[in-house]
């Protein structure tokens, strides 16, 4: 039995065969690109929101979520359909109402909420809270979101159904968008929300 240690230099590659730092860096970059392509990793996070409601209280959730996600670097699309389209309509968005009937969080019993004019009263109450709290208006949230790159999409079928004029939407709103586009956006998104 031999007590001699094996010759380590026999298995080691010659120094001339070792790759240079530049070659290693190029190989690492090549592997990272291949991995990104294989996994679809483009470092872009996406959020897709479907907005279906057009009341004052339901206009805020998609707008707040969209602007916040955009601030965190998400690519955001918000597809507005049916009554949600009123939020993107310049005139109608300034006249959104708050329904007091059937809203369990309203401080008004349903028997009183059903009286004529109560929706107007509860809407004014909410508008006052918004103003007193210095909360952004629907218009301000839309403009801020557009500046941040949020894409607001108006459902073409709803535009036709409700006989809206495309010129009546805020500047920057994408019109002529169908459900197929909304579904594709949702399929590509990391986060999908229905409001």
C-alpha atoms as a PDB file:
ATOM      1  CA  UNK A   1       0.000   0.000   0.000  1.00  0.00           C
ATOM      2  CA  UNK A   2       1.432   3.275  -1.032  1.00  0.00           C
ATOM      3  CA  UNK A   3       1.481   6.272   1.267  1.00  0.00           C
ATOM      4  CA  UNK A   4       2.231   8.688  -1.533  1.00  0.00           C
ATOM      5  CA  UNK A   5      -0.437  11.376  -2.063  1.00  0.00           C
ATOM      6  CA  UNK A   6      -1.913  11.505  -5.547  1.00  0.00           C
ATOM      7  CA  UNK A   7      -0.437  14.113  -7.827  1.00  0.00           C
ATOM      8  CA  UNK A   8      -3.059  16.908  -7.870  1.00  0.00           C
ATOM      9  CA  UNK A   9      -1.386  18.666 -10.744  1.00  0.00           C
ATOM     10  CA  UNK A  10      -2.060  15.720 -13.046  1.00  0.00           C
ATOM     11  CA  UNK A  11      -5.874  16.331 -12.939  1.00  0.00           C
ATOM     12  CA  UNK A  12      -5.762  20.126 -12.900  1.00  0.00           C
ATOM     13  CA  UNK A  13      -6.232  21.911 -16.230  1.00  0.00           C
ATOM     14  CA  UNK A  14      -3.329  23.846 -17.540  1.00  0.00           C
ATOM     15  CA  UNK A  15      -3.496  27.547 -16.822  1.00  0.00           C
ATOM     16  CA  UNK A  16      -3.609  28.218 -20.547  1.00  0.00           C
ATOM     17  CA  UNK A  17      -6.919  26.254 -20.816  1.00  0.00           C
ATOM     18  CA  UNK A  18      -8.772  28.272 -18.091  1.00  0.00           C
ATOM     19  CA  UNK A  19     -11.365  30.747 -19.397  1.00  0.00           C
ATOM     20  CA  UNK A  20     -10.691  34.432 -18.872  1.00  0.00           C
ATOM     21  CA  UNK A  21     -12.897  36.639 -16.669  1.00  0.00           C
ATOM     22  CA  UNK A  22     -14.361  38.261 -19.770  1.00  0.00           C
ATOM     23  CA  UNK A  23     -15.243  34.857 -21.196  1.00  0.00           C
ATOM     24  CA  UNK A  24     -16.870  33.801 -17.915  1.00  0.00           C
ATOM     25  CA  UNK A  25     -18.823  37.048 -17.705  1.00  0.00           C
ATOM     26  CA  UNK A  26     -20.010  36.627 -21.280  1.00  0.00           C
ATOM     27  CA  UNK A  27     -21.087  33.042 -20.555  1.00  0.00           C
ATOM     28  CA  UNK A  28     -22.983  34.099 -17.396  1.00  0.00           C
ATOM     29  CA  UNK A  29     -24.765  36.830 -19.350  1.00  0.00           C
ATOM     30  CA  UNK A  30     -25.629  34.344 -22.097  1.00  0.00           C
ATOM     31  CA  UNK A  31     -27.086  31.924 -19.529  1.00  0.00           C
ATOM     32  CA  UNK A  32     -29.084  34.692 -17.801  1.00  0.00           C
ATOM     33  CA  UNK A  33     -30.557  35.768 -21.160  1.00  0.00           C
ATOM     34  CA  UNK A  34     -31.485  32.167 -21.986  1.00  0.00           C
ATOM     35  CA  UNK A  35     -33.104  31.732 -18.564  1.00  0.00           C
ATOM     36  CA  UNK A  36     -35.068  34.981 -18.894  1.00  0.00           C
ATOM     37  CA  UNK A  37     -36.287  33.950 -22.341  1.00  0.00           C
ATOM     38  CA  UNK A  38     -37.235  30.456 -21.158  1.00  0.00           C
ATOM     39  CA  UNK A  39     -39.172  31.727 -18.129  1.00  0.00           C
ATOM     40  CA  UNK A  40     -40.637  34.787 -19.789  1.00  0.00           C
ATOM     41  CA  UNK A  41     -39.020  36.954 -17.117  1.00  0.00           C
ATOM     42  CA  UNK A  42     -38.948  40.495 -18.419  1.00  0.00           C
ATOM     43  CA  UNK A  43     -38.810  42.061 -14.943  1.00  0.00           C
ATOM     44  CA  UNK A  44     -42.189  43.658 -15.700  1.00  0.00           C
ATOM     45  CA  UNK A  45     -44.971  42.918 -13.265  1.00  0.00           C
ATOM     46  CA  UNK A  46     -48.465  43.310 -14.661  1.00  0.00           C
ATOM     47  CA  UNK A  47     -51.860  43.967 -13.105  1.00  0.00           C
ATOM     48  CA  UNK A  48     -55.195  43.700 -14.887  1.00  0.00           C
ATOM     49  CA  UNK A  49     -58.356  45.147 -13.347  1.00  0.00           C
ATOM     50  CA  UNK A  50     -61.911  44.748 -14.651  1.00  0.00           C
ATOM     51  CA  UNK A  51     -64.142  47.612 -13.438  1.00  0.00           C
ATOM     52  CA  UNK A  52     -67.885  46.968 -13.749  1.00  0.00           C
ATOM     53  CA  UNK A  53     -69.454  49.408 -11.293  1.00  0.00           C
ATOM     54  CA  UNK A  54     -70.212  53.089 -11.805  1.00  0.00           C
ATOM     55  CA  UNK A  55     -71.210  54.362  -8.370  1.00  0.00           C
ATOM     56  CA  UNK A  56     -69.132  56.874  -6.424  1.00  0.00           C
ATOM     57  CA  UNK A  57     -68.031  54.341  -3.811  1.00  0.00           C
ATOM     58  CA  UNK A  58     -67.103  51.726  -6.441  1.00  0.00           C
ATOM     59  CA  UNK A  59     -65.156  54.158  -8.641  1.00  0.00           C
ATOM     60  CA  UNK A  60     -62.409  54.437  -6.026  1.00  0.00           C
ATOM     61  CA  UNK A  61     -61.172  50.827  -5.583  1.00  0.00           C
ATOM     62  CA  UNK A  62     -59.957  50.260  -9.176  1.00  0.00           C
ATOM     63  CA  UNK A  63     -58.481  53.773  -9.378  1.00  0.00           C
ATOM     64  CA  UNK A  64     -56.617  53.501  -6.077  1.00  0.00           C
ATOM     65  CA  UNK A  65     -55.343  50.000  -6.867  1.00  0.00           C
ATOM     66  CA  UNK A  66     -54.255  51.036 -10.379  1.00  0.00           C
ATOM     67  CA  UNK A  67     -52.396  54.181  -9.304  1.00  0.00           C
ATOM     68  CA  UNK A  68     -50.730  52.409  -6.369  1.00  0.00           C
ATOM     69  CA  UNK A  69     -49.620  49.463  -8.515  1.00  0.00           C
ATOM     70  CA  UNK A  70     -48.253  51.869 -11.141  1.00  0.00           C
ATOM     71  CA  UNK A  71     -46.301  53.669  -8.412  1.00  0.00           C
ATOM     72  CA  UNK A  72     -44.724  50.309  -7.519  1.00  0.00           C
ATOM     73  CA  UNK A  73     -43.688  49.723 -11.129  1.00  0.00           C
ATOM     74  CA  UNK A  74     -46.513  47.505 -12.336  1.00  0.00           C
ATOM     75  CA  UNK A  75     -47.793  47.750 -15.892  1.00  0.00           C
ATOM     76  CA  UNK A  76     -51.516  48.292 -15.261  1.00  0.00           C
ATOM     77  CA  UNK A  77     -54.575  47.995 -17.479  1.00  0.00           C
ATOM     78  CA  UNK A  78     -58.090  48.732 -16.256  1.00  0.00           C
ATOM     79  CA  UNK A  79     -60.896  47.476 -18.499  1.00  0.00           C
ATOM     80  CA  UNK A  80     -64.111  49.411 -17.813  1.00  0.00           C
ATOM     81  CA  UNK A  81     -67.337  47.750 -18.894  1.00  0.00           C
ATOM     82  CA  UNK A  82     -71.063  48.369 -18.377  1.00  0.00           C
ATOM     83  CA  UNK A  83     -71.680  50.945 -15.608  1.00  0.00           C
ATOM     84  CA  UNK A  84     -67.958  51.057 -14.876  1.00  0.00           C
ATOM     85  CA  UNK A  85     -67.644  52.981 -18.141  1.00  0.00           C
ATOM     86  CA  UNK A  86     -69.249  56.019 -16.445  1.00  0.00           C
ATOM     87  CA  UNK A  87     -66.037  56.432 -14.423  1.00  0.00           C
ATOM     88  CA  UNK A  88     -64.109  57.195 -17.640  1.00  0.00           C
ATOM     89  CA  UNK A  89     -66.809  59.491 -19.058  1.00  0.00           C
ATOM     90  CA  UNK A  90     -65.801  63.095 -18.330  1.00  0.00           C
ATOM     91  CA  UNK A  91     -69.328  64.374 -17.648  1.00  0.00           C
ATOM     92  CA  UNK A  92     -70.777  61.309 -15.931  1.00  0.00           C
ATOM     93  CA  UNK A  93     -67.726  60.792 -13.691  1.00  0.00           C
ATOM     94  CA  UNK A  94     -68.414  64.140 -12.042  1.00  0.00           C
ATOM     95  CA  UNK A  95     -71.995  63.086 -11.229  1.00  0.00           C
ATOM     96  CA  UNK A  96     -71.486  59.595  -9.802  1.00  0.00           C
ATOM     97  CA  UNK A  97     -74.008  58.710  -7.110  1.00  0.00           C
ATOM     98  CA  UNK A  98     -73.832  56.647  -3.949  1.00  0.00           C
ATOM     99  CA  UNK A  99     -76.738  54.281  -3.461  1.00  0.00           C
ATOM    100  CA  UNK A 100     -78.003  54.180   0.095  1.00  0.00           C
ATOM    101  CA  UNK A 101     -80.450  51.291  -0.399  1.00  0.00           C
ATOM    102  CA  UNK A 102     -79.025  47.851   0.281  1.00  0.00           C
ATOM    103  CA  UNK A 103     -75.678  49.200   1.429  1.00  0.00           C
ATOM    104  CA  UNK A 104     -75.166  47.692   4.890  1.00  0.00           C
ATOM    105  CA  UNK A 105     -72.381  50.127   5.752  1.00  0.00           C
ATOM    106  CA  UNK A 106     -74.488  53.239   5.276  1.00  0.00           C
ATOM    107  CA  UNK A 107     -75.538  54.898   8.527  1.00  0.00           C
ATOM    108  CA  UNK A 108     -79.111  55.029   7.224  1.00  0.00           C
ATOM    109  CA  UNK A 109     -81.698  52.234   7.669  1.00  0.00           C
ATOM    110  CA  UNK A 110     -83.080  50.824   4.385  1.00  0.00           C
ATOM    111  CA  UNK A 111     -86.597  52.097   5.218  1.00  0.00           C
ATOM    112  CA  UNK A 112     -85.254  55.659   5.269  1.00  0.00           C
ATOM    113  CA  UNK A 113     -82.713  55.080   2.466  1.00  0.00           C
ATOM    114  CA  UNK A 114     -85.577  54.178   0.118  1.00  0.00           C
ATOM    115  CA  UNK A 115     -87.199  57.601   0.506  1.00  0.00           C
ATOM    116  CA  UNK A 116     -87.020  59.870  -2.548  1.00  0.00           C
ATOM    117  CA  UNK A 117     -83.892  62.019  -2.564  1.00  0.00           C
ATOM    118  CA  UNK A 118     -81.888  59.904  -0.108  1.00  0.00           C
ATOM    119  CA  UNK A 119     -79.319  58.869  -2.739  1.00  0.00           C
ATOM    120  CA  UNK A 120     -78.661  62.565  -3.297  1.00  0.00           C
ATOM    121  CA  UNK A 121     -78.242  63.079   0.464  1.00  0.00           C
ATOM    122  CA  UNK A 122     -75.857  60.148   0.924  1.00  0.00           C
ATOM    123  CA  UNK A 123     -73.890  61.186  -2.182  1.00  0.00           C
ATOM    124  CA  UNK A 124     -73.447  64.681  -0.761  1.00  0.00           C
ATOM    125  CA  UNK A 125     -72.388  63.197   2.578  1.00  0.00           C
ATOM    126  CA  UNK A 126     -69.697  61.123   0.839  1.00  0.00           C
ATOM    127  CA  UNK A 127     -68.549  64.049  -1.324  1.00  0.00           C
ATOM    128  CA  UNK A 128     -68.204  66.148   1.841  1.00  0.00           C
ATOM    129  CA  UNK A 129     -66.139  63.394   3.525  1.00  0.00           C
ATOM    130  CA  UNK A 130     -63.920  63.209   0.430  1.00  0.00           C
ATOM    131  CA  UNK A 131     -63.403  66.977   0.434  1.00  0.00           C
ATOM    132  CA  UNK A 132     -62.914  67.231   4.227  1.00  0.00           C
ATOM    133  CA  UNK A 133     -60.370  64.401   4.167  1.00  0.00           C
ATOM    134  CA  UNK A 134     -58.532  65.985   1.224  1.00  0.00           C
ATOM    135  CA  UNK A 135     -58.981  62.720  -0.694  1.00  0.00           C
ATOM    136  CA  UNK A 136     -58.327  62.876  -4.429  1.00  0.00           C
ATOM    137  CA  UNK A 137     -61.410  63.153  -6.618  1.00  0.00           C
ATOM    138  CA  UNK A 138     -62.223  60.567  -9.284  1.00  0.00           C
ATOM    139  CA  UNK A 139     -61.004  63.016 -11.934  1.00  0.00           C
ATOM    140  CA  UNK A 140     -57.708  63.583 -10.097  1.00  0.00           C
ATOM    141  CA  UNK A 141     -57.131  59.846  -9.683  1.00  0.00           C
ATOM    142  CA  UNK A 142     -57.771  59.234 -13.387  1.00  0.00           C
ATOM    143  CA  UNK A 143     -55.400  62.021 -14.447  1.00  0.00           C
ATOM    144  CA  UNK A 144     -52.701  60.882 -12.020  1.00  0.00           C
ATOM    145  CA  UNK A 145     -53.057  57.270 -13.145  1.00  0.00           C
ATOM    146  CA  UNK A 146     -52.809  58.245 -16.816  1.00  0.00           C
ATOM    147  CA  UNK A 147     -49.656  60.257 -16.074  1.00  0.00           C
ATOM    148  CA  UNK A 148     -48.200  57.175 -14.363  1.00  0.00           C
ATOM    149  CA  UNK A 149     -48.836  55.045 -17.450  1.00  0.00           C
ATOM    150  CA  UNK A 150     -52.011  53.217 -16.433  1.00  0.00           C
ATOM    151  CA  UNK A 151     -53.971  52.153 -19.508  1.00  0.00           C
ATOM    152  CA  UNK A 152     -57.696  52.724 -19.095  1.00  0.00           C
ATOM    153  CA  UNK A 153     -59.664  50.690 -21.620  1.00  0.00           C
ATOM    154  CA  UNK A 154     -63.279  51.419 -22.557  1.00  0.00           C
ATOM    155  CA  UNK A 155     -65.335  48.387 -23.600  1.00  0.00           C
ATOM    156  CA  UNK A 156     -66.463  48.913 -27.198  1.00  0.00           C
ATOM    157  CA  UNK A 157     -69.574  46.764 -26.815  1.00  0.00           C
ATOM    158  CA  UNK A 158     -70.692  48.895 -23.862  1.00  0.00           C
ATOM    159  CA  UNK A 159     -69.934  52.120 -25.753  1.00  0.00           C
ATOM    160  CA  UNK A 160     -72.222  50.903 -28.549  1.00  0.00           C
ATOM    161  CA  UNK A 161     -74.865  49.506 -26.182  1.00  0.00           C
ATOM    162  CA  UNK A 162     -75.157  52.694 -24.122  1.00  0.00           C
ATOM    163  CA  UNK A 163     -74.740  54.909 -27.190  1.00  0.00           C
ATOM    164  CA  UNK A 164     -71.763  56.818 -25.757  1.00  0.00           C
ATOM    165  CA  UNK A 165     -69.638  59.086 -27.897  1.00  0.00           C
ATOM    166  CA  UNK A 166     -65.943  58.149 -27.731  1.00  0.00           C
ATOM    167  CA  UNK A 167     -65.069  61.851 -27.609  1.00  0.00           C
ATOM    168  CA  UNK A 168     -66.726  62.108 -24.172  1.00  0.00           C
ATOM    169  CA  UNK A 169     -64.060  60.050 -22.406  1.00  0.00           C
ATOM    170  CA  UNK A 170     -61.000  61.484 -20.699  1.00  0.00           C
ATOM    171  CA  UNK A 171     -58.040  62.134 -23.003  1.00  0.00           C
ATOM    172  CA  UNK A 172     -55.791  59.113 -22.932  1.00  0.00           C
ATOM    173  CA  UNK A 173     -58.542  56.507 -22.500  1.00  0.00           C
ATOM    174  CA  UNK A 174     -58.215  53.664 -25.016  1.00  0.00           C
ATOM    175  CA  UNK A 175     -61.498  53.029 -26.808  1.00  0.00           C
ATOM    176  CA  UNK A 176     -62.479  50.203 -29.136  1.00  0.00           C
ATOM    177  CA  UNK A 177     -61.300  47.507 -26.735  1.00  0.00           C
ATOM    178  CA  UNK A 178     -63.128  44.188 -26.663  1.00  0.00           C
ATOM    179  CA  UNK A 179     -63.450  41.364 -24.165  1.00  0.00           C
ATOM    180  CA  UNK A 180     -60.814  39.310 -26.010  1.00  0.00           C
ATOM    181  CA  UNK A 181     -58.210  41.996 -25.330  1.00  0.00           C
ATOM    182  CA  UNK A 182     -59.255  42.162 -21.668  1.00  0.00           C
ATOM    183  CA  UNK A 183     -58.930  38.379 -21.353  1.00  0.00           C
ATOM    184  CA  UNK A 184     -55.484  38.440 -22.978  1.00  0.00           C
ATOM    185  CA  UNK A 185     -54.376  41.169 -20.557  1.00  0.00           C
ATOM    186  CA  UNK A 186     -55.674  39.120 -17.628  1.00  0.00           C
ATOM    187  CA  UNK A 187     -53.923  35.961 -18.856  1.00  0.00           C
ATOM    188  CA  UNK A 188     -50.600  37.843 -19.086  1.00  0.00           C
ATOM    189  CA  UNK A 189     -51.002  39.606 -15.737  1.00  0.00           C
ATOM    190  CA  UNK A 190     -49.446  38.627 -12.435  1.00  0.00           C
ATOM    191  CA  UNK A 191     -52.481  40.037 -10.598  1.00  0.00           C
ATOM    192  CA  UNK A 192     -56.086  39.988 -11.857  1.00  0.00           C
ATOM    193  CA  UNK A 193     -58.884  41.828 -10.051  1.00  0.00           C
ATOM    194  CA  UNK A 194     -62.610  42.136 -10.762  1.00  0.00           C
ATOM    195  CA  UNK A 195     -64.322  45.130  -9.154  1.00  0.00           C
END
